[in-house]
C-alpha atoms as a PDB file:
ATOM      1  CA  MET A   1     106.229  44.198 148.252  1.00  0.00           C
ATOM      2  CA  THR A   2     109.435  44.024 150.287  1.00  0.00           C
ATOM      3  CA  ARG A   3     110.432  40.636 151.621  1.00  0.00           C
ATOM      4  CA  SER A   4     112.571  39.832 154.611  1.00  0.00           C
ATOM      5  CA  LEU A   5     115.697  38.244 153.176  1.00  0.00           C
ATOM      6  CA  ASP A   6     117.710  35.318 154.423  1.00  0.00           C
ATOM      7  CA  LEU A   7     120.204  33.259 152.439  1.00  0.00           C
ATOM      8  CA  TYR A   8     117.635  30.751 151.162  1.00  0.00           C
ATOM      9  CA  THR A   9     115.097  33.389 150.100  1.00  0.00           C
ATOM     10  CA  ALA A  10     117.747  35.571 148.443  1.00  0.00           C
ATOM     11  CA  VAL A  11     119.094  32.625 146.424  1.00  0.00           C
ATOM     12  CA  CYS A  12     115.577  31.597 145.373  1.00  0.00           C
ATOM     13  CA  ILE A  13     114.781  35.141 144.221  1.00  0.00           C
ATOM     14  CA  ALA A  14     118.138  35.505 142.453  1.00  0.00           C
ATOM     15  CA  ALA A  15     117.611  32.159 140.688  1.00  0.00           C
ATOM     16  CA  GLY A  16     114.021  33.016 139.766  1.00  0.00           C
ATOM     17  CA  ASP A  17     112.684  29.857 141.407  1.00  0.00           C
ATOM     18  CA  HIS A  18     108.971  29.148 141.096  1.00  0.00           C
ATOM     19  CA  GLY A  19     107.107  30.672 144.016  1.00  0.00           C
ATOM     20  CA  TYR A  20     109.721  33.403 144.388  1.00  0.00           C
ATOM     21  CA  GLU A  21     108.721  35.656 141.505  1.00  0.00           C
ATOM     22  CA  SER A  22     109.943  39.186 142.086  1.00  0.00           C
ATOM     23  CA  THR A  23     110.201  42.655 140.637  1.00  0.00           C
ATOM     24  CA  SER A  24     113.520  43.790 139.201  1.00  0.00           C
ATOM     25  CA  GLU A  25     114.059  45.878 142.362  1.00  0.00           C
ATOM     26  CA  GLU A  26     113.557  42.803 144.579  1.00  0.00           C
ATOM     27  CA  TRP A  27     115.869  40.758 142.325  1.00  0.00           C
ATOM     28  CA  ILE A  28     118.617  43.393 142.604  1.00  0.00           C
ATOM     29  CA  ALA A  29     117.996  43.644 146.377  1.00  0.00           C
ATOM     30  CA  ALA A  30     118.449  39.858 146.639  1.00  0.00           C
ATOM     31  CA  TYR A  31     121.799  40.110 144.866  1.00  0.00           C
ATOM     32  CA  GLN A  32     122.823  43.043 147.061  1.00  0.00           C
ATOM     33  CA  PHE A  33     121.974  40.928 150.130  1.00  0.00           C
ATOM     34  CA  LEU A  34     124.119  38.062 148.777  1.00  0.00           C
ATOM     35  CA  ILE A  35     127.000  40.446 147.995  1.00  0.00           C
ATOM     36  CA  ASP A  36     126.816  42.118 151.415  1.00  0.00           C
ATOM     37  CA  SER A  37     126.795  38.761 153.217  1.00  0.00           C
ATOM     38  CA  GLY A  38     129.654  37.458 151.038  1.00  0.00           C
ATOM     39  CA  ASP A  39     127.608  34.363 150.203  1.00  0.00           C
ATOM     40  CA  VAL A  40     127.425  35.206 146.495  1.00  0.00           C
ATOM     41  CA  TRP A  41     131.149  34.373 146.232  1.00  0.00           C
ATOM     42  CA  ARG A  42     130.670  30.996 147.942  1.00  0.00           C
ATOM     43  CA  ILE A  43     127.782  29.545 145.945  1.00  0.00           C
ATOM     44  CA  GLU A  44     127.641  28.318 142.334  1.00  0.00           C
ATOM     45  CA  GLY A  45     129.640  30.496 139.948  1.00  0.00           C
ATOM     46  CA  PHE A  46     126.569  31.579 137.975  1.00  0.00           C
ATOM     47  CA  PHE A  47     125.548  33.847 140.862  1.00  0.00           C
ATOM     48  CA  SER A  48     128.981  35.434 141.268  1.00  0.00           C
ATOM     49  CA  ARG A  49     129.203  36.198 137.539  1.00  0.00           C
ATOM     50  CA  ILE A  50     125.832  37.985 137.649  1.00  0.00           C
ATOM     51  CA  ALA A  51     126.885  39.816 140.831  1.00  0.00           C
ATOM     52  CA  ASP A  52     130.065  40.999 139.089  1.00  0.00           C
ATOM     53  CA  ASP A  53     127.951  42.235 136.160  1.00  0.00           C
ATOM     54  CA  LEU A  54     125.559  44.073 138.516  1.00  0.00           C
ATOM     55  CA  ILE A  55     128.497  45.696 140.327  1.00  0.00           C
ATOM     56  CA  ALA A  56     130.119  46.704 137.035  1.00  0.00           C
ATOM     57  CA  ALA A  57     126.804  48.214 135.888  1.00  0.00           C
ATOM     58  CA  GLY A  58     126.491  50.198 139.137  1.00  0.00           C
ATOM     59  CA  LEU A  59     123.276  48.427 140.169  1.00  0.00           C
ATOM     60  CA  CYS A  60     124.925  46.805 143.200  1.00  0.00           C
ATOM     61  CA  THR A  61     127.915  47.742 145.310  1.00  0.00           C
ATOM     62  CA  ASP A  62     130.647  45.690 146.910  1.00  0.00           C
ATOM     63  CA  ALA A  63     131.876  47.314 150.133  1.00  0.00           C
ATOM     64  CA  ARG A  64     135.254  45.657 149.626  1.00  0.00           C
ATOM     65  CA  GLY A  65     135.468  47.407 146.256  1.00  0.00           C
ATOM     66  CA  THR A  66     136.748  44.333 144.450  1.00  0.00           C
ATOM     67  CA  HIS A  67     135.410  42.216 141.664  1.00  0.00           C
ATOM     68  CA  HIS A  68     136.088  38.554 142.216  1.00  0.00           C
ATOM     69  CA  MET A  69     136.611  37.608 138.598  1.00  0.00           C
ATOM     70  CA  THR A  70     139.359  39.216 136.555  1.00  0.00           C
ATOM     71  CA  ASP A  71     139.353  40.205 132.884  1.00  0.00           C
ATOM     72  CA  ILE A  72     142.518  39.097 131.108  1.00  0.00           C
ATOM     73  CA  THR A  73     142.185  41.817 128.447  1.00  0.00           C
ATOM     74  CA  ALA A  74     139.754  44.476 127.353  1.00  0.00           C
ATOM     75  CA  ASP A  75     138.578  42.112 124.589  1.00  0.00           C
ATOM     76  CA  LEU A  76     134.873  41.288 124.934  1.00  0.00           C
ATOM     77  CA  ASP A  77     135.649  37.617 124.320  1.00  0.00           C
ATOM     78  CA  ALA A  78     138.357  37.518 127.000  1.00  0.00           C
ATOM     79  CA  PRO A  79     138.011  34.829 129.656  1.00  0.00           C
ATOM     80  CA  LEU A  80     136.988  35.528 133.226  1.00  0.00           C
ATOM     81  CA  PHE A  81     138.619  33.880 136.199  1.00  0.00           C
ATOM     82  CA  TRP A  82     138.848  34.054 139.968  1.00  0.00           C
ATOM     83  CA  ALA A  83     141.955  35.512 141.560  1.00  0.00           C
ATOM     84  CA  ALA A  84     144.008  32.771 143.253  1.00  0.00           C
ATOM     85  CA  GLU A  85     143.633  34.298 146.723  1.00  0.00           C
ATOM     86  CA  ASP A  86     139.828  34.619 146.300  1.00  0.00           C
ATOM     87  CA  LEU A  87     139.640  30.993 145.166  1.00  0.00           C
ATOM     88  CA  ALA A  88     141.545  29.841 148.266  1.00  0.00           C
ATOM     89  CA  ARG A  89     139.402  32.074 150.507  1.00  0.00           C
ATOM     90  CA  TRP A  90     136.197  30.687 148.941  1.00  0.00           C
ATOM     91  CA  ARG A  91     137.362  27.098 149.466  1.00  0.00           C
ATOM     92  CA  SER A  92     138.191  27.709 153.121  1.00  0.00           C
ATOM     93  CA  GLY A  93     134.613  28.787 153.863  1.00  0.00           C
ATOM     94  CA  ALA A  94     132.631  26.608 151.451  1.00  0.00           C
ATOM     95  CA  SER A  95     130.702  23.492 152.411  1.00  0.00           C
ATOM     96  CA  PRO A  96     131.213  20.093 150.749  1.00  0.00           C
ATOM     97  CA  GLY A  97     129.311  19.942 147.470  1.00  0.00           C
ATOM     98  CA  ALA A  98     129.496  23.690 146.794  1.00  0.00           C
ATOM     99  CA  THR A  99     130.661  24.385 143.230  1.00  0.00           C
ATOM    100  CA  ILE A 100     132.059  27.430 141.481  1.00  0.00           C
ATOM    101  CA  THR A 101     133.328  28.135 138.010  1.00  0.00           C
ATOM    102  CA  TYR A 102     136.848  29.426 138.561  1.00  0.00           C
ATOM    103  CA  TYR A 103     137.619  29.983 134.849  1.00  0.00           C
ATOM    104  CA  ALA A 104     135.329  30.651 131.884  1.00  0.00           C
ATOM    105  CA  GLY A 105     136.757  31.285 128.453  1.00  0.00           C
ATOM    106  CA  LEU A 106     138.399  29.480 125.595  1.00  0.00           C
ATOM    107  CA  PRO A 107     138.249  25.744 126.238  1.00  0.00           C
ATOM    108  CA  SER A 108     142.013  25.453 126.657  1.00  0.00           C
ATOM    109  CA  LEU A 109     142.904  26.738 130.117  1.00  0.00           C
ATOM    110  CA  MET A 110     146.444  25.461 129.611  1.00  0.00           C
ATOM    111  CA  ARG A 111     146.902  27.636 126.530  1.00  0.00           C
ATOM    112  CA  ALA A 112     145.295  30.709 128.129  1.00  0.00           C
ATOM    113  CA  ARG A 113     147.320  30.478 131.342  1.00  0.00           C
ATOM    114  CA  THR A 114     150.578  30.891 129.433  1.00  0.00           C
ATOM    115  CA  LYS A 115     149.445  34.423 128.516  1.00  0.00           C
ATOM    116  CA  ASP A 116     148.617  35.685 132.005  1.00  0.00           C
ATOM    117  CA  VAL A 117     150.498  35.270 135.274  1.00  0.00           C
ATOM    118  CA  ALA A 118     147.388  35.804 137.440  1.00  0.00           C
ATOM    119  CA  LEU A 119     145.477  33.100 135.531  1.00  0.00           C
ATOM    120  CA  ASP A 120     148.447  30.759 135.930  1.00  0.00           C
ATOM    121  CA  GLN A 121     148.328  31.377 139.701  1.00  0.00           C
ATOM    122  CA  THR A 122     144.586  30.633 139.735  1.00  0.00           C
ATOM    123  CA  ALA A 123     145.080  27.355 137.853  1.00  0.00           C
ATOM    124  CA  ALA A 124     147.910  26.414 140.227  1.00  0.00           C
ATOM    125  CA  ALA A 125     145.703  27.209 143.263  1.00  0.00           C
ATOM    126  CA  ALA A 126     142.887  25.022 141.891  1.00  0.00           C
ATOM    127  CA  TRP A 127     145.362  22.175 141.253  1.00  0.00           C
ATOM    128  CA  SER A 128     146.764  22.536 144.748  1.00  0.00           C
ATOM    129  CA  ILE A 129     143.256  22.286 146.259  1.00  0.00           C
ATOM    130  CA  TYR A 130     142.647  19.153 144.173  1.00  0.00           C
ATOM    131  CA  MET A 131     145.957  17.513 145.148  1.00  0.00           C
ATOM    132  CA  ALA A 132     145.226  18.204 148.827  1.00  0.00           C
ATOM    133  CA  GLY A 133     141.916  16.296 148.473  1.00  0.00           C
ATOM    134  CA  ARG A 134     139.955  19.469 149.217  1.00  0.00           C
ATOM    135  CA  GLY A 135     138.190  19.705 145.852  1.00  0.00           C
ATOM    136  CA  ILE A 136     137.237  17.983 142.616  1.00  0.00           C
ATOM    137  CA  LEU A 137     138.064  19.645 139.287  1.00  0.00           C
ATOM    138  CA  THR A 138     135.676  19.289 136.354  1.00  0.00           C
ATOM    139  CA  PHE A 139     135.313  20.794 132.892  1.00  0.00           C
ATOM    140  CA  PHE A 140     132.052  21.754 131.169  1.00  0.00           C
ATOM    141  CA  GLN A 141     131.783  22.788 127.507  1.00  0.00           C
ATOM    142  CA  ARG A 142     128.854  25.176 126.996  1.00  0.00           C
ATOM    143  CA  PRO A 143     126.918  25.140 123.708  1.00  0.00           C
ATOM    144  CA  ASP A 144     128.342  28.591 122.859  1.00  0.00           C
ATOM    145  CA  GLY A 145     131.883  27.137 122.853  1.00  0.00           C
ATOM    146  CA  ILE A 146     132.951  28.592 126.205  1.00  0.00           C
ATOM    147  CA  GLY A 147     134.752  26.198 128.498  1.00  0.00           C
ATOM    148  CA  GLU A 148     134.051  26.315 132.228  1.00  0.00           C
ATOM    149  CA  TYR A 149     136.540  24.879 134.683  1.00  0.00           C
ATOM    150  CA  ARG A 150     134.763  24.126 137.941  1.00  0.00           C
ATOM    151  CA  LEU A 151     135.823  23.333 141.474  1.00  0.00           C
ATOM    152  CA  THR A 152     133.529  21.326 143.752  1.00  0.00           C
ATOM    153  CA  VAL A 153     134.361  21.257 147.450  1.00  0.00           C
ATOM    154  CA  ALA A 154     135.196  17.823 148.824  1.00  0.00           C
ATOM    155  CA  ASP A 155     136.908  16.451 151.896  1.00  0.00           C
ATOM    156  CA  LEU A 156     138.918  13.531 150.520  1.00  0.00           C
ATOM    157  CA  GLU A 157     142.296  11.981 151.146  1.00  0.00           C
ATOM    158  CA  PRO A 158     145.122  13.881 149.461  1.00  0.00           C
ATOM    159  CA  VAL A 159     145.919  12.674 145.966  1.00  0.00           C
ATOM    160  CA  ARG A 160     149.132  10.697 145.872  1.00  0.00           C
ATOM    161  CA  GLU A 161     151.209  10.369 142.753  1.00  0.00           C
ATOM    162  CA  ARG A 162     150.563   6.625 142.703  1.00  0.00           C
ATOM    163  CA  ASP A 163     146.785   7.344 142.553  1.00  0.00           C
ATOM    164  CA  ARG A 164     147.166   9.176 139.285  1.00  0.00           C
ATOM    165  CA  ALA A 165     147.333   7.419 135.943  1.00  0.00           C
ATOM    166  CA  PRO A 166     150.904   6.854 134.787  1.00  0.00           C
ATOM    167  CA  PRO A 167     152.122   8.958 131.888  1.00  0.00           C
ATOM    168  CA  PRO A 168     151.934   7.264 128.508  1.00  0.00           C
ATOM    169  CA  THR A 169     155.068   5.386 127.589  1.00  0.00           C
ATOM    170  CA  GLN A 170     157.124   6.491 124.637  1.00  0.00           C
ATOM    171  CA  LEU A 171     156.966   4.481 121.497  1.00  0.00           C
ATOM    172  CA  PRO A 172     160.165   2.597 120.743  1.00  0.00           C
ATOM    173  CA  SER A 173     162.405   4.356 118.292  1.00  0.00           C
ATOM    174  CA  GLY A 174     163.058   2.860 114.922  1.00  0.00           C
ATOM    175  CA  LYS A 175     161.255   2.376 111.654  1.00  0.00           C
ATOM    176  CA  PRO A 176     157.516   1.784 111.650  1.00  0.00           C
ATOM    177  CA  ARG A 177     156.444  -1.706 110.678  1.00  0.00           C
ATOM    178  CA  LYS A 178     154.886  -2.204 107.263  1.00  0.00           C
ATOM    179  CA  ARG A 179     151.449  -3.684 107.143  1.00  0.00           C
END
């Protein structure tokens, strides 16, 4: 059975929502619809990661010919992340409340970004969006040990330095007190 697809129906099929059971062909067609419309890159990161996998496997195509997450190395355990320009493009078209995972890998993004210039640019782009009040940054630790850094679209006032917690003060120098 072939269904007429719109954004809502395609997302429901792709997510496997109750009432939207489908064959594998319909499931792949739903992802192809989301890829073709560009919506797969604007909704929750779970969908874009599956779309990237389907494209890499040759089951779906991306007319733009680009994957939106980048492998740091050929290592199977290497993190995945959005390119900085794709992250900015996604934010410009996303609605408040939309969330993506812009980095998935070892829990320490700070450590990983020192090894890759493109990842450093992505982290800087996410921070810039946050400081401009255009997004909220969160971290999620999955049970398998993978850390996910997420960006949720928001329309807030820009963050001012005085809004942030002050850095910890240094301990006075000298000998520690005996107890």
